[in-house]
């Protein structure tokens, strides 16, 4: 039950992240390198987390967890990358496939481990940290400084007088 609830929360956060990317895609579209890096990071981390959880859920059924997480990874990479251009979309799809496959393998290997709950906590912490840092970086880089606002400030006028 914990794994299903965790998967639902990760899915909800992933949907919010995808909606955020689509909302600010014009601001990200200024640099193809930055766009590629952001989509790569998001695709791999999201699909690695989802694949790991699916690997823990399916246990010894590596084929099912790998197929499902690979298809989800390809879809997430496609959705994230299609807002920009073909190269970013292709890269997002391949990185989504890679993260889904790796996550399913890790989850399946840790299924019978006594410390699987610690791993679940760790992969969720990595997910939250990387998604948060990506959003903070996107917001920081998309803010354009307004030099006129600084010059018209009352503090600057008082210090000059």
Protein backbone atom coordinates (compact mmCIF):
# COMPACT_ATOMS: atom_id res chain seq x y z
CA UNK A 1 0.00 0.00 0.00
CA UNK A 2 2.89 2.34 0.79
CA UNK A 3 4.37 1.78 -2.66
CA UNK A 4 1.07 2.49 -4.46
CA UNK A 5 0.55 5.69 -2.45
CA UNK A 6 4.14 6.73 -3.14
CA UNK A 7 3.68 6.09 -6.86
CA UNK A 8 0.50 8.20 -6.84
CA UNK A 9 2.27 11.12 -5.13
CA UNK A 10 5.23 10.90 -7.54
CA UNK A 11 2.81 10.80 -10.49
CA UNK A 12 1.00 13.91 -9.20
CA UNK A 13 4.27 15.79 -8.68
CA UNK A 14 5.43 14.72 -12.15
CA UNK A 15 2.23 16.05 -13.74
CA UNK A 16 2.74 19.37 -11.91
CA UNK A 17 6.35 19.50 -13.14
CA UNK A 18 5.29 18.83 -16.75
CA UNK A 19 2.62 21.54 -16.54
CA UNK A 20 5.22 23.95 -15.16
CA UNK A 21 7.60 23.20 -18.05
CA UNK A 22 4.82 23.80 -20.58
CA UNK A 23 3.84 27.05 -18.87
CA UNK A 24 7.34 28.53 -19.07
CA UNK A 25 8.55 26.89 -22.30
CA UNK A 26 8.97 30.26 -24.06
CA UNK A 27 11.47 31.35 -21.41
CA UNK A 28 13.39 28.07 -21.70
CA UNK A 29 13.46 28.15 -25.49
CA UNK A 30 16.20 30.81 -25.57
CA UNK A 31 19.09 28.32 -25.20
CA UNK A 32 18.99 24.85 -26.72
CA UNK A 33 21.80 23.63 -24.44
CA UNK A 34 20.02 24.73 -21.26
CA UNK A 35 16.76 23.28 -22.52
CA UNK A 36 18.42 19.97 -23.30
CA UNK A 37 20.04 19.77 -19.87
CA UNK A 38 16.79 20.56 -18.03
CA UNK A 39 14.77 18.01 -20.03
CA UNK A 40 17.53 15.41 -19.63
CA UNK A 41 17.68 15.87 -15.86
CA UNK A 42 13.91 15.79 -15.45
CA UNK A 43 13.42 12.77 -17.74
CA UNK A 44 16.07 10.67 -16.02
CA UNK A 45 15.12 11.52 -12.43
CA UNK A 46 11.38 11.14 -12.97
CA UNK A 47 11.67 7.82 -14.78
CA UNK A 48 14.34 6.46 -12.46
CA UNK A 49 12.03 7.11 -9.51
CA UNK A 50 8.94 5.68 -11.20
CA UNK A 51 10.88 2.66 -12.50
CA UNK A 52 12.31 1.95 -9.04
CA UNK A 53 8.89 2.05 -7.44
CA UNK A 54 7.46 -0.20 -10.16
CA UNK A 55 10.39 -2.59 -9.68
CA UNK A 56 9.60 -2.75 -5.96
CA UNK A 57 5.90 -3.30 -6.67
CA UNK A 58 6.38 -6.06 -9.25
CA UNK A 59 9.17 -7.80 -7.34
CA UNK A 60 10.61 -10.67 -9.37
CA UNK A 61 8.68 -9.82 -12.54
CA UNK A 62 11.45 -7.83 -14.18
CA UNK A 63 9.85 -8.01 -17.62
CA UNK A 64 6.58 -6.33 -16.59
CA UNK A 65 8.21 -3.61 -14.51
CA UNK A 66 10.78 -2.89 -17.23
CA UNK A 67 8.22 -2.76 -20.04
CA UNK A 68 5.84 -0.49 -18.10
CA UNK A 69 8.56 1.84 -16.82
CA UNK A 70 10.25 2.00 -20.24
CA UNK A 71 6.99 2.94 -21.96
CA UNK A 72 6.25 5.51 -19.25
CA UNK A 73 9.80 6.85 -19.55
CA UNK A 74 9.51 7.21 -23.29
CA UNK A 75 6.15 8.97 -22.91
CA UNK A 76 7.43 11.35 -20.22
CA UNK A 77 10.50 12.22 -22.30
CA UNK A 78 8.30 12.75 -25.36
CA UNK A 79 5.88 14.99 -23.47
CA UNK A 80 8.66 17.05 -21.86
CA UNK A 81 10.65 17.41 -25.08
CA UNK A 82 7.86 18.06 -27.55
CA UNK A 83 7.37 21.58 -26.22
CA UNK A 84 10.73 22.57 -27.68
CA UNK A 85 12.08 20.84 -30.78
CA UNK A 86 12.75 17.44 -32.28
CA UNK A 87 16.25 17.03 -30.85
CA UNK A 88 15.17 17.79 -27.30
CA UNK A 89 12.17 15.47 -27.74
CA UNK A 90 14.38 12.64 -29.04
CA UNK A 91 16.86 13.15 -26.23
CA UNK A 92 14.08 13.21 -23.62
CA UNK A 93 12.66 9.96 -24.98
CA UNK A 94 16.01 8.15 -24.93
CA UNK A 95 16.82 9.42 -21.45
CA UNK A 96 13.35 8.42 -20.27
CA UNK A 97 13.88 4.91 -21.60
CA UNK A 98 17.27 4.72 -19.88
CA UNK A 99 15.91 5.94 -16.53
CA UNK A 100 12.93 3.60 -16.69
CA UNK A 101 15.09 0.55 -17.41
CA UNK A 102 17.63 1.37 -14.72
CA UNK A 103 14.93 2.12 -12.16
CA UNK A 104 13.10 -1.16 -12.81
CA UNK A 105 16.34 -3.11 -12.40
CA UNK A 106 17.24 -1.35 -9.16
CA UNK A 107 13.75 -1.81 -7.73
CA UNK A 108 13.66 -5.50 -8.63
CA UNK A 109 17.08 -6.13 -7.06
CA UNK A 110 16.06 -4.41 -3.82
CA UNK A 111 12.60 -6.00 -3.61
CA UNK A 112 13.57 -8.63 -1.03
CA UNK A 113 16.12 -6.51 0.77
CA UNK A 114 15.43 -5.63 4.38
CA UNK A 115 16.34 -2.01 3.61
CA UNK A 116 13.94 -1.39 0.71
CA UNK A 117 12.08 1.27 2.72
CA UNK A 118 15.32 3.21 3.18
CA UNK A 119 15.93 3.02 -0.57
CA UNK A 120 12.40 4.28 -1.20
CA UNK A 121 13.07 7.22 1.11
CA UNK A 122 16.41 7.88 -0.63
CA UNK A 123 15.01 7.80 -4.18
CA UNK A 124 12.14 10.08 -3.14
CA UNK A 125 14.58 12.51 -1.52
CA UNK A 126 16.70 12.55 -4.69
CA UNK A 127 13.55 13.12 -6.78
CA UNK A 128 12.40 16.05 -4.65
CA UNK A 129 15.87 17.64 -4.46
CA UNK A 130 16.56 17.40 -8.21
CA UNK A 131 13.07 18.58 -9.23
CA UNK A 132 13.28 21.49 -6.76
CA UNK A 133 16.76 22.51 -7.92
CA UNK A 134 15.62 22.35 -11.55
CA UNK A 135 12.62 24.58 -10.87
CA UNK A 136 14.72 27.02 -8.83
CA UNK A 137 17.31 27.16 -11.62
CA UNK A 138 14.65 27.72 -14.27
CA UNK A 139 13.04 30.51 -12.23
CA UNK A 140 16.38 32.14 -11.45
CA UNK A 141 17.54 32.11 -15.04
CA UNK A 142 14.24 33.34 -16.44
CA UNK A 143 14.10 36.49 -14.33
CA UNK A 144 15.32 39.48 -16.33
CA UNK A 145 16.94 42.20 -14.23
CA UNK A 146 15.31 45.59 -14.40
CA UNK A 147 18.08 48.16 -14.05
CA UNK A 148 15.70 51.13 -14.27
CA UNK A 149 13.84 49.93 -11.20
CA UNK A 150 17.08 50.02 -9.24
CA UNK A 151 17.93 53.53 -10.40
CA UNK A 152 14.48 54.89 -9.56
CA UNK A 153 14.61 53.50 -6.06
CA UNK A 154 14.12 56.03 -3.25
CA UNK A 155 17.10 54.56 -1.36
CA UNK A 156 19.45 55.41 -4.22
CA UNK A 157 18.06 58.97 -4.43
CA UNK A 158 18.50 59.54 -0.70
CA UNK A 159 22.05 58.23 -0.71
CA UNK A 160 23.03 60.56 -3.55
CA UNK A 161 21.60 63.65 -1.86
